[in-house]
Amino acid sequence: MSETRLEYRYRLLAPEELTARLAAVTLVVFDVDGTLTDGRIGFVGAGADRCLFFHTHDGHGIRNLREAGVSIAWVTANRFLGVAERAKSLRVLYLIQGRQDKKAAIEELGLPWEQIAYVGDDENDVPSMLAASVAFSPANATQPAAVASHVRLHLSGGNGAAREVCDLILRAKGFAPFVAPDGVVWRKP
């Protein structure tokens, strides 16, 4: 069975330049609401934390990326207990919550933007997207985020967009999926 080749739309970057930049990424920063979730927020009851849904494929992709040596950060202007719990379960290195100025928060980590990929879906992500070496936007991103991105993903936030990012970075770094008796692992051929 042949693998379906997906075509991506690139802003300002030729495919070769995109691959080179992705290969140099050491940190992937994901916005949370609308990127790792579908953007909907539900309330369970009075005084309860908000209800957010994360896609299992995204979580698996994040684990694959982390195991390949790429650090993960989540950044959100909100503060939810559920986000912290999910980040902990995936061993996300940096969780930044309650920060309106996401770009300043990321800069406090002390990494050069040339090593950072950013995934965002809305206006408050644009400054970070413009600074990042590679900026991604989910298929359902707002127009400002879509215009600021280098890569507009095929999948929507909360529905596999993060996994799509993870797989693109792994491939650019020379990893390929390998089917082993105990499951699929990403490794260098």
N, C-alpha and C. Protein backbone atom coordinates (compact mmCIF):
# COMPACT_ATOMS: atom_id res chain seq x y z
N MET A 1 0.85 -1.18 0.00
CA MET A 1 0.00 0.00 0.00
C MET A 1 0.89 1.23 0.00
N SER A 2 0.62 2.14 -0.87
CA SER A 2 1.45 3.35 -0.94
C SER A 2 0.89 4.41 0.01
N GLU A 3 1.82 5.21 0.55
CA GLU A 3 1.43 6.27 1.47
C GLU A 3 0.89 7.45 0.66
N THR A 4 -0.21 8.02 1.11
CA THR A 4 -0.78 9.19 0.45
C THR A 4 0.12 10.38 0.73
N ARG A 5 0.49 11.11 -0.28
CA ARG A 5 1.34 12.29 -0.12
C ARG A 5 0.44 13.51 0.05
N LEU A 6 0.65 14.20 1.15
CA LEU A 6 -0.11 15.41 1.42
C LEU A 6 0.68 16.62 0.96
N GLU A 7 0.02 17.54 0.35
CA GLU A 7 0.66 18.77 -0.09
C GLU A 7 0.35 19.86 0.94
N TYR A 8 1.38 20.58 1.35
CA TYR A 8 1.22 21.65 2.32
C TYR A 8 1.41 22.99 1.63
N ARG A 9 0.75 23.99 2.16
CA ARG A 9 0.92 25.35 1.66
C ARG A 9 1.99 26.02 2.53
N TYR A 10 2.98 26.61 1.91
CA TYR A 10 4.07 27.22 2.63
C TYR A 10 4.06 28.73 2.47
N ARG A 11 4.31 29.44 3.56
CA ARG A 11 4.43 30.90 3.52
C ARG A 11 5.90 31.25 3.65
N LEU A 12 6.46 31.83 2.65
CA LEU A 12 7.81 32.34 2.64
C LEU A 12 8.91 31.27 2.65
N LEU A 13 8.57 30.02 2.77
CA LEU A 13 9.59 28.97 2.85
C LEU A 13 9.43 27.96 1.73
N ALA A 14 10.52 27.67 1.04
CA ALA A 14 10.52 26.57 0.08
C ALA A 14 10.51 25.27 0.88
N PRO A 15 10.00 24.18 0.31
CA PRO A 15 9.96 22.91 1.05
C PRO A 15 11.31 22.50 1.62
N GLU A 16 12.41 22.75 0.90
CA GLU A 16 13.74 22.38 1.39
C GLU A 16 14.11 23.21 2.62
N GLU A 17 13.76 24.50 2.59
CA GLU A 17 14.03 25.37 3.73
C GLU A 17 13.19 24.95 4.93
N LEU A 18 11.94 24.60 4.69
CA LEU A 18 11.07 24.13 5.77
C LEU A 18 11.67 22.88 6.42
N THR A 19 12.10 21.93 5.62
CA THR A 19 12.69 20.70 6.16
C THR A 19 13.93 21.01 6.99
N ALA A 20 14.78 21.90 6.51
CA ALA A 20 16.00 22.26 7.24
C ALA A 20 15.65 22.92 8.58
N ARG A 21 14.67 23.80 8.57
CA ARG A 21 14.27 24.46 9.82
C ARG A 21 13.66 23.47 10.79
N LEU A 22 12.82 22.57 10.29
CA LEU A 22 12.20 21.57 11.17
C LEU A 22 13.27 20.65 11.77
N ALA A 23 14.29 20.31 11.01
CA ALA A 23 15.35 19.44 11.51
C ALA A 23 16.12 20.11 12.65
N ALA A 24 16.14 21.44 12.69
CA ALA A 24 16.88 22.17 13.72
C ALA A 24 16.04 22.47 14.96
N VAL A 25 14.76 22.13 14.95
CA VAL A 25 13.87 22.42 16.07
C VAL A 25 14.25 21.59 17.29
N THR A 26 14.38 22.27 18.44
CA THR A 26 14.64 21.59 19.71
C THR A 26 13.47 21.75 20.68
N LEU A 27 12.57 22.68 20.38
CA LEU A 27 11.40 22.92 21.23
C LEU A 27 10.20 23.19 20.35
N VAL A 28 9.10 22.49 20.63
CA VAL A 28 7.83 22.77 19.96
C VAL A 28 6.89 23.33 21.01
N VAL A 29 6.36 24.53 20.73
CA VAL A 29 5.44 25.20 21.64
C VAL A 29 4.05 25.08 21.04
N PHE A 30 3.14 24.52 21.82
CA PHE A 30 1.74 24.38 21.41
C PHE A 30 0.88 25.33 22.22
N ASP A 31 0.10 26.17 21.54
CA ASP A 31 -1.00 26.84 22.19
C ASP A 31 -1.95 25.72 22.61
N VAL A 32 -2.76 25.93 23.62
CA VAL A 32 -3.64 24.85 24.09
C VAL A 32 -5.03 24.96 23.48
N ASP A 33 -5.77 26.02 23.82
CA ASP A 33 -7.17 26.14 23.39
C ASP A 33 -7.25 26.39 21.88
N GLY A 34 -7.86 25.46 21.17
CA GLY A 34 -8.03 25.60 19.73
C GLY A 34 -6.92 24.94 18.92
N THR A 35 -5.88 24.49 19.61
CA THR A 35 -4.78 23.81 18.93
C THR A 35 -4.68 22.37 19.43
N LEU A 36 -4.53 22.21 20.75
CA LEU A 36 -4.56 20.88 21.35
C LEU A 36 -5.98 20.44 21.69
N THR A 37 -6.89 21.41 21.74
CA THR A 37 -8.31 21.11 21.91
C THR A 37 -9.05 21.69 20.71
N ASP A 38 -10.32 21.37 20.61
CA ASP A 38 -11.08 21.89 19.48
C ASP A 38 -11.59 23.31 19.71
N GLY A 39 -11.21 23.89 20.82
CA GLY A 39 -11.60 25.27 21.10
C GLY A 39 -12.87 25.42 21.91
N ARG A 40 -13.63 24.35 22.02
CA ARG A 40 -14.85 24.43 22.82
C ARG A 40 -14.49 24.31 24.30
N ILE A 41 -15.23 25.01 25.13
CA ILE A 41 -15.04 24.92 26.57
C ILE A 41 -16.39 24.57 27.18
N GLY A 42 -16.43 23.48 27.93
CA GLY A 42 -17.66 23.06 28.58
C GLY A 42 -17.53 23.21 30.09
N PHE A 43 -18.63 23.44 30.74
CA PHE A 43 -18.64 23.54 32.19
C PHE A 43 -19.40 22.35 32.75
N VAL A 44 -18.78 21.68 33.71
CA VAL A 44 -19.37 20.48 34.29
C VAL A 44 -20.40 20.84 35.34
N GLY A 45 -20.15 21.85 36.13
CA GLY A 45 -21.11 22.25 37.16
C GLY A 45 -20.57 23.43 37.94
N ALA A 46 -21.34 23.91 38.88
CA ALA A 46 -20.94 25.07 39.67
C ALA A 46 -19.62 24.80 40.39
N GLY A 47 -18.67 25.71 40.21
CA GLY A 47 -17.40 25.60 40.89
C GLY A 47 -16.44 24.59 40.28
N ALA A 48 -16.87 23.87 39.27
CA ALA A 48 -16.02 22.84 38.65
C ALA A 48 -15.08 23.47 37.64
N ASP A 49 -13.97 22.79 37.43
CA ASP A 49 -13.04 23.23 36.40
C ASP A 49 -13.73 23.06 35.05
N ARG A 50 -13.23 23.73 34.06
CA ARG A 50 -13.79 23.61 32.72
C ARG A 50 -13.49 22.25 32.14
N CYS A 51 -14.28 21.87 31.18
CA CYS A 51 -14.13 20.57 30.54
C CYS A 51 -13.52 20.78 29.15
N LEU A 52 -12.33 20.21 28.94
CA LEU A 52 -11.64 20.30 27.66
C LEU A 52 -11.38 18.89 27.16
N PHE A 53 -11.35 18.73 25.85
CA PHE A 53 -11.09 17.41 25.27
C PHE A 53 -9.80 17.46 24.45
N PHE A 54 -8.92 16.50 24.70
CA PHE A 54 -7.67 16.35 23.98
C PHE A 54 -7.75 15.09 23.14
N HIS A 55 -7.14 15.11 21.97
CA HIS A 55 -7.18 13.95 21.07
C HIS A 55 -6.03 13.00 21.40
N THR A 56 -6.32 11.71 21.49
CA THR A 56 -5.31 10.72 21.85
C THR A 56 -4.19 10.64 20.81
N HIS A 57 -4.49 10.88 19.54
CA HIS A 57 -3.44 10.87 18.51
C HIS A 57 -2.42 11.98 18.76
N ASP A 58 -2.91 13.15 19.19
CA ASP A 58 -2.01 14.25 19.50
C ASP A 58 -1.08 13.87 20.66
N GLY A 59 -1.65 13.26 21.67
CA GLY A 59 -0.84 12.83 22.82
C GLY A 59 0.23 11.83 22.42
N HIS A 60 -0.13 10.91 21.56
CA HIS A 60 0.85 9.91 21.11
C HIS A 60 1.96 10.58 20.29
N GLY A 61 1.60 11.52 19.46
CA GLY A 61 2.60 12.25 18.68
C GLY A 61 3.55 13.04 19.57
N ILE A 62 3.01 13.65 20.61
CA ILE A 62 3.84 14.40 21.56
C ILE A 62 4.81 13.46 22.26
N ARG A 63 4.35 12.28 22.65
CA ARG A 63 5.25 11.30 23.26
C ARG A 63 6.36 10.90 22.28
N ASN A 64 6.00 10.66 21.02
CA ASN A 64 7.00 10.29 20.01
C ASN A 64 8.05 11.38 19.86
N LEU A 65 7.60 12.61 19.79
CA LEU A 65 8.52 13.73 19.63
C LEU A 65 9.44 13.85 20.84
N ARG A 66 8.88 13.74 22.01
CA ARG A 66 9.66 13.83 23.24
C ARG A 66 10.71 12.71 23.30
N GLU A 67 10.31 11.50 22.93
CA GLU A 67 11.24 10.37 22.93
C GLU A 67 12.35 10.53 21.90
N ALA A 68 12.12 11.35 20.89
CA ALA A 68 13.14 11.62 19.87
C ALA A 68 14.07 12.76 20.31
N GLY A 69 13.85 13.30 21.51
CA GLY A 69 14.73 14.32 22.05
C GLY A 69 14.29 15.75 21.85
N VAL A 70 13.06 15.94 21.41
CA VAL A 70 12.54 17.30 21.20
C VAL A 70 11.73 17.69 22.43
N SER A 71 12.00 18.85 22.99
CA SER A 71 11.27 19.33 24.16
C SER A 71 9.91 19.88 23.74
N ILE A 72 8.98 19.83 24.68
CA ILE A 72 7.60 20.27 24.43
C ILE A 72 7.23 21.34 25.44
N ALA A 73 6.55 22.38 24.97
CA ALA A 73 5.98 23.41 25.84
C ALA A 73 4.53 23.63 25.45
N TRP A 74 3.71 23.88 26.45
CA TRP A 74 2.33 24.30 26.21
C TRP A 74 2.19 25.69 26.79
N VAL A 75 1.50 26.56 26.07
CA VAL A 75 1.30 27.92 26.54
C VAL A 75 -0.17 28.29 26.33
N THR A 76 -0.75 28.90 27.37
CA THR A 76 -2.15 29.31 27.28
C THR A 76 -2.39 30.54 28.15
N ALA A 77 -3.25 31.39 27.69
CA ALA A 77 -3.62 32.57 28.47
C ALA A 77 -4.55 32.19 29.62
N ASN A 78 -5.13 31.02 29.56
CA ASN A 78 -6.05 30.54 30.60
C ASN A 78 -5.30 29.71 31.63
N ARG A 79 -6.01 29.31 32.66
CA ARG A 79 -5.44 28.47 33.71
C ARG A 79 -6.50 27.43 34.10
N PHE A 80 -6.26 26.20 33.68
CA PHE A 80 -7.20 25.12 33.97
C PHE A 80 -6.46 23.94 34.60
N LEU A 81 -7.06 23.35 35.61
CA LEU A 81 -6.48 22.17 36.26
C LEU A 81 -6.33 21.03 35.27
N GLY A 82 -7.32 20.85 34.40
CA GLY A 82 -7.28 19.76 33.42
C GLY A 82 -6.10 19.86 32.47
N VAL A 83 -5.70 21.07 32.12
CA VAL A 83 -4.56 21.26 31.24
C VAL A 83 -3.29 20.80 31.95
N ALA A 84 -3.15 21.18 33.21
CA ALA A 84 -1.97 20.77 33.98
C ALA A 84 -1.91 19.25 34.13
N GLU A 85 -3.05 18.63 34.35
CA GLU A 85 -3.08 17.17 34.49
C GLU A 85 -2.69 16.47 33.19
N ARG A 86 -3.21 16.95 32.07
CA ARG A 86 -2.87 16.34 30.78
C ARG A 86 -1.40 16.57 30.45
N ALA A 87 -0.90 17.77 30.70
CA ALA A 87 0.52 18.06 30.45
C ALA A 87 1.41 17.16 31.29
N LYS A 88 1.04 16.95 32.53
CA LYS A 88 1.83 16.08 33.41
C LYS A 88 1.83 14.64 32.90
N SER A 89 0.68 14.17 32.43
CA SER A 89 0.58 12.79 31.95
C SER A 89 1.43 12.57 30.70
N LEU A 90 1.65 13.63 29.91
CA LEU A 90 2.47 13.52 28.70
C LEU A 90 3.92 13.95 28.95
N ARG A 91 4.23 14.31 30.18
CA ARG A 91 5.57 14.77 30.57
C ARG A 91 6.03 15.96 29.72
N VAL A 92 5.11 16.91 29.58
CA VAL A 92 5.43 18.16 28.88
C VAL A 92 6.45 18.92 29.75
N LEU A 93 7.55 19.34 29.17
CA LEU A 93 8.63 19.97 29.93
C LEU A 93 8.23 21.32 30.50
N TYR A 94 7.60 22.16 29.68
CA TYR A 94 7.21 23.50 30.11
C TYR A 94 5.71 23.68 29.96
N LEU A 95 5.04 24.04 31.05
CA LEU A 95 3.62 24.40 31.01
C LEU A 95 3.51 25.83 31.47
N ILE A 96 3.07 26.69 30.57
CA ILE A 96 2.93 28.12 30.86
C ILE A 96 1.45 28.44 30.78
N GLN A 97 0.84 28.75 31.94
CA GLN A 97 -0.58 29.07 31.99
C GLN A 97 -0.79 30.48 32.53
N GLY A 98 -1.87 31.08 32.11
CA GLY A 98 -2.25 32.39 32.64
C GLY A 98 -1.39 33.54 32.16
N ARG A 99 -0.77 33.38 31.01
CA ARG A 99 0.08 34.45 30.46
C ARG A 99 -0.55 34.98 29.19
N GLN A 100 -0.90 36.26 29.19
CA GLN A 100 -1.48 36.89 28.01
C GLN A 100 -0.44 37.11 26.92
N ASP A 101 0.78 37.49 27.34
CA ASP A 101 1.86 37.73 26.39
C ASP A 101 2.66 36.43 26.25
N LYS A 102 2.22 35.61 25.33
CA LYS A 102 2.84 34.29 25.15
C LYS A 102 4.28 34.41 24.65
N LYS A 103 4.53 35.35 23.78
CA LYS A 103 5.88 35.53 23.23
C LYS A 103 6.87 35.85 24.35
N ALA A 104 6.53 36.75 25.24
CA ALA A 104 7.41 37.10 26.35
C ALA A 104 7.62 35.89 27.26
N ALA A 105 6.58 35.13 27.49
CA ALA A 105 6.70 33.93 28.34
C ALA A 105 7.66 32.92 27.72
N ILE A 106 7.58 32.74 26.42
CA ILE A 106 8.47 31.80 25.73
C ILE A 106 9.91 32.31 25.77
N GLU A 107 10.09 33.60 25.59
CA GLU A 107 11.44 34.17 25.61
C GLU A 107 12.11 33.97 26.96
N GLU A 108 11.32 33.89 28.03
CA GLU A 108 11.87 33.64 29.37
C GLU A 108 12.51 32.26 29.48
N LEU A 109 12.20 31.36 28.57
CA LEU A 109 12.81 30.04 28.58
C LEU A 109 14.27 30.09 28.13
N GLY A 110 14.65 31.15 27.43
CA GLY A 110 16.04 31.37 27.06
C GLY A 110 16.53 30.64 25.83
N LEU A 111 15.64 30.10 25.04
CA LEU A 111 16.03 29.41 23.81
C LEU A 111 15.92 30.35 22.63
N PRO A 112 16.81 30.22 21.66
CA PRO A 112 16.71 31.07 20.46
C PRO A 112 15.50 30.66 19.62
N TRP A 113 14.85 31.65 19.05
CA TRP A 113 13.67 31.39 18.22
C TRP A 113 14.00 30.50 17.03
N GLU A 114 15.24 30.46 16.59
CA GLU A 114 15.64 29.62 15.45
C GLU A 114 15.48 28.13 15.76
N GLN A 115 15.36 27.78 17.03
CA GLN A 115 15.19 26.38 17.43
C GLN A 115 13.75 26.07 17.85
N ILE A 116 12.85 27.03 17.68
CA ILE A 116 11.49 26.88 18.19
C ILE A 116 10.48 26.82 17.05
N ALA A 117 9.61 25.81 17.12
CA ALA A 117 8.42 25.74 16.26
C ALA A 117 7.23 26.11 17.14
N TYR A 118 6.28 26.83 16.57
CA TYR A 118 5.11 27.27 17.33
C TYR A 118 3.85 26.86 16.59
N VAL A 119 2.87 26.37 17.36
CA VAL A 119 1.59 25.96 16.79
C VAL A 119 0.50 26.80 17.44
N GLY A 120 -0.18 27.63 16.64
CA GLY A 120 -1.19 28.51 17.18
C GLY A 120 -2.37 28.68 16.24
N ASP A 121 -3.48 29.14 16.80
CA ASP A 121 -4.71 29.21 16.02
C ASP A 121 -5.43 30.55 16.07
N ASP A 122 -4.92 31.52 16.84
CA ASP A 122 -5.70 32.75 16.99
C ASP A 122 -4.79 33.98 17.09
N GLU A 123 -5.41 35.15 17.17
CA GLU A 123 -4.70 36.42 17.14
C GLU A 123 -3.60 36.53 18.19
N ASN A 124 -3.87 36.03 19.41
CA ASN A 124 -2.87 36.16 20.47
C ASN A 124 -1.66 35.26 20.25
N ASP A 125 -1.70 34.38 19.26
CA ASP A 125 -0.56 33.53 18.93
C ASP A 125 0.35 34.16 17.87
N VAL A 126 -0.15 35.14 17.16
CA VAL A 126 0.56 35.70 16.01
C VAL A 126 1.96 36.22 16.35
N PRO A 127 2.17 36.98 17.44
CA PRO A 127 3.54 37.43 17.74
C PRO A 127 4.53 36.28 17.88
N SER A 128 4.13 35.21 18.53
CA SER A 128 5.00 34.04 18.69
C SER A 128 5.21 33.34 17.36
N MET A 129 4.17 33.29 16.55
CA MET A 129 4.26 32.64 15.24
C MET A 129 5.23 33.38 14.34
N LEU A 130 5.20 34.71 14.39
CA LEU A 130 6.09 35.51 13.56
C LEU A 130 7.54 35.40 14.00
N ALA A 131 7.78 35.12 15.28
CA ALA A 131 9.14 34.99 15.81
C ALA A 131 9.72 33.59 15.60
N ALA A 132 8.86 32.58 15.57
CA ALA A 132 9.31 31.19 15.51
C ALA A 132 9.99 30.86 14.19
N SER A 133 10.88 29.88 14.25
CA SER A 133 11.54 29.40 13.04
C SER A 133 10.53 28.81 12.08
N VAL A 134 9.57 28.06 12.63
CA VAL A 134 8.47 27.50 11.84
C VAL A 134 7.19 27.68 12.63
N ALA A 135 6.18 28.22 11.98
CA ALA A 135 4.87 28.43 12.60
C ALA A 135 3.83 27.59 11.87
N PHE A 136 3.03 26.89 12.66
CA PHE A 136 1.97 26.04 12.14
C PHE A 136 0.62 26.59 12.59
N SER A 137 -0.41 26.41 11.76
CA SER A 137 -1.78 26.72 12.17
C SER A 137 -2.67 25.55 11.78
N PRO A 138 -3.59 25.16 12.68
CA PRO A 138 -4.55 24.11 12.34
C PRO A 138 -5.47 24.55 11.20
N ALA A 139 -6.13 23.60 10.58
CA ALA A 139 -7.03 23.89 9.46
C ALA A 139 -8.12 24.87 9.85
N ASN A 140 -8.54 24.86 11.11
CA ASN A 140 -9.64 25.72 11.55
C ASN A 140 -9.15 26.99 12.26
N ALA A 141 -7.91 27.39 12.04
CA ALA A 141 -7.37 28.59 12.66
C ALA A 141 -8.06 29.84 12.13
N THR A 142 -8.01 30.89 12.91
CA THR A 142 -8.53 32.17 12.45
C THR A 142 -7.63 32.70 11.35
N GLN A 143 -8.15 33.63 10.57
CA GLN A 143 -7.38 34.16 9.45
C GLN A 143 -6.05 34.78 9.87
N PRO A 144 -5.97 35.58 10.96
CA PRO A 144 -4.66 36.14 11.33
C PRO A 144 -3.61 35.06 11.61
N ALA A 145 -3.99 34.01 12.29
CA ALA A 145 -3.04 32.92 12.58
C ALA A 145 -2.68 32.17 11.30
N ALA A 146 -3.65 31.93 10.46
CA ALA A 146 -3.38 31.21 9.21
C ALA A 146 -2.40 32.00 8.34
N VAL A 147 -2.58 33.32 8.27
CA VAL A 147 -1.70 34.15 7.46
C VAL A 147 -0.29 34.20 8.06
N ALA A 148 -0.18 34.15 9.37
CA ALA A 148 1.13 34.22 10.05
C ALA A 148 1.88 32.89 10.00
N SER A 149 1.21 31.82 9.65
CA SER A 149 1.86 30.50 9.69
C SER A 149 2.66 30.22 8.43
N HIS A 150 3.68 29.40 8.60
CA HIS A 150 4.43 28.89 7.45
C HIS A 150 3.71 27.68 6.86
N VAL A 151 3.04 26.92 7.74
CA VAL A 151 2.35 25.70 7.32
C VAL A 151 0.94 25.71 7.87
N ARG A 152 -0.02 25.64 6.98
CA ARG A 152 -1.43 25.47 7.37
C ARG A 152 -1.70 23.97 7.32
N LEU A 153 -2.01 23.39 8.47
CA LEU A 153 -2.19 21.95 8.58
C LEU A 153 -3.49 21.49 7.95
N HIS A 154 -3.56 20.22 7.64
CA HIS A 154 -4.78 19.65 7.06
C HIS A 154 -5.83 19.34 8.13
N LEU A 155 -5.39 19.09 9.35
CA LEU A 155 -6.31 18.71 10.43
C LEU A 155 -6.60 19.89 11.33
N SER A 156 -7.73 19.83 12.01
CA SER A 156 -8.17 20.90 12.90
C SER A 156 -7.61 20.72 14.30
N GLY A 157 -7.63 21.82 15.06
CA GLY A 157 -7.21 21.77 16.45
C GLY A 157 -8.06 20.80 17.24
N GLY A 158 -7.41 20.00 18.07
CA GLY A 158 -8.12 19.01 18.88
C GLY A 158 -8.52 17.78 18.10
N ASN A 159 -8.19 17.73 16.83
CA ASN A 159 -8.58 16.61 15.96
C ASN A 159 -7.39 16.07 15.17
N GLY A 160 -6.21 16.09 15.77
CA GLY A 160 -5.04 15.52 15.13
C GLY A 160 -4.04 16.50 14.58
N ALA A 161 -4.28 17.81 14.69
CA ALA A 161 -3.34 18.80 14.16
C ALA A 161 -1.98 18.70 14.84
N ALA A 162 -1.96 18.50 16.15
CA ALA A 162 -0.68 18.40 16.86
C ALA A 162 0.09 17.17 16.41
N ARG A 163 -0.60 16.07 16.17
CA ARG A 163 0.06 14.86 15.69
C ARG A 163 0.68 15.10 14.31
N GLU A 164 -0.03 15.84 13.48
CA GLU A 164 0.48 16.18 12.15
C GLU A 164 1.80 16.95 12.27
N VAL A 165 1.86 17.91 13.19
CA VAL A 165 3.09 18.66 13.44
C VAL A 165 4.21 17.73 13.90
N CYS A 166 3.91 16.89 14.88
CA CYS A 166 4.91 15.98 15.42
C CYS A 166 5.49 15.08 14.34
N ASP A 167 4.63 14.51 13.51
CA ASP A 167 5.09 13.62 12.44
C ASP A 167 5.95 14.36 11.41
N LEU A 168 5.59 15.59 11.07
CA LEU A 168 6.39 16.38 10.13
C LEU A 168 7.79 16.65 10.69
N ILE A 169 7.87 16.98 11.96
CA ILE A 169 9.17 17.26 12.58
C ILE A 169 10.00 15.99 12.66
N LEU A 170 9.39 14.89 13.06
CA LEU A 170 10.12 13.62 13.14
C LEU A 170 10.70 13.23 11.79
N ARG A 171 9.90 13.36 10.75
CA ARG A 171 10.39 13.02 9.40
C ARG A 171 11.54 13.94 8.98
N ALA A 172 11.44 15.22 9.29
CA ALA A 172 12.50 16.17 8.93
C ALA A 172 13.79 15.85 9.67
N LYS A 173 13.67 15.27 10.86
CA LYS A 173 14.84 14.90 11.65
C LYS A 173 15.39 13.52 11.26
N GLY A 174 14.79 12.90 10.25
CA GLY A 174 15.31 11.62 9.77
C GLY A 174 14.70 10.40 10.41
N PHE A 175 13.63 10.58 11.19
CA PHE A 175 12.96 9.44 11.81
C PHE A 175 11.88 8.91 10.87
N ALA A 176 11.58 7.64 11.01
CA ALA A 176 10.51 7.02 10.22
C ALA A 176 9.78 6.03 11.12
N PRO A 177 8.49 5.84 10.89
CA PRO A 177 7.77 4.86 11.71
C PRO A 177 8.24 3.45 11.37
N PHE A 178 8.42 2.65 12.39
CA PHE A 178 8.85 1.27 12.23
C PHE A 178 7.87 0.38 12.97
N VAL A 179 7.36 -0.63 12.30
CA VAL A 179 6.40 -1.54 12.92
C VAL A 179 7.17 -2.65 13.62
N ALA A 180 7.09 -2.66 14.93
CA ALA A 180 7.74 -3.67 15.75
C ALA A 180 6.66 -4.60 16.32
N PRO A 181 7.04 -5.77 16.83
CA PRO A 181 6.04 -6.68 17.38
C PRO A 181 5.18 -6.07 18.50
N ASP A 182 5.75 -5.12 19.23
CA ASP A 182 5.00 -4.50 20.34
C ASP A 182 4.41 -3.14 19.96
N GLY A 183 4.40 -2.80 18.70
CA GLY A 183 3.80 -1.54 18.27
C GLY A 183 4.70 -0.77 17.33
N VAL A 184 4.24 0.40 16.93
CA VAL A 184 4.99 1.25 16.02
C VAL A 184 5.87 2.18 16.83
N VAL A 185 7.12 2.29 16.45
CA VAL A 185 8.05 3.22 17.08
C VAL A 185 8.70 4.05 15.98
N TRP A 186 9.11 5.25 16.34
CA TRP A 186 9.82 6.12 15.39
C TRP A 186 11.30 5.92 15.64
N ARG A 187 12.04 5.66 14.59
CA ARG A 187 13.49 5.51 14.72
C ARG A 187 14.15 5.95 13.44
N LYS A 188 15.47 6.18 13.55
CA LYS A 188 16.22 6.54 12.35
C LYS A 188 16.57 5.25 11.61
N PRO A 189 16.28 5.21 10.30
CA PRO A 189 16.55 3.98 9.52
C PRO A 189 18.04 3.68 9.43
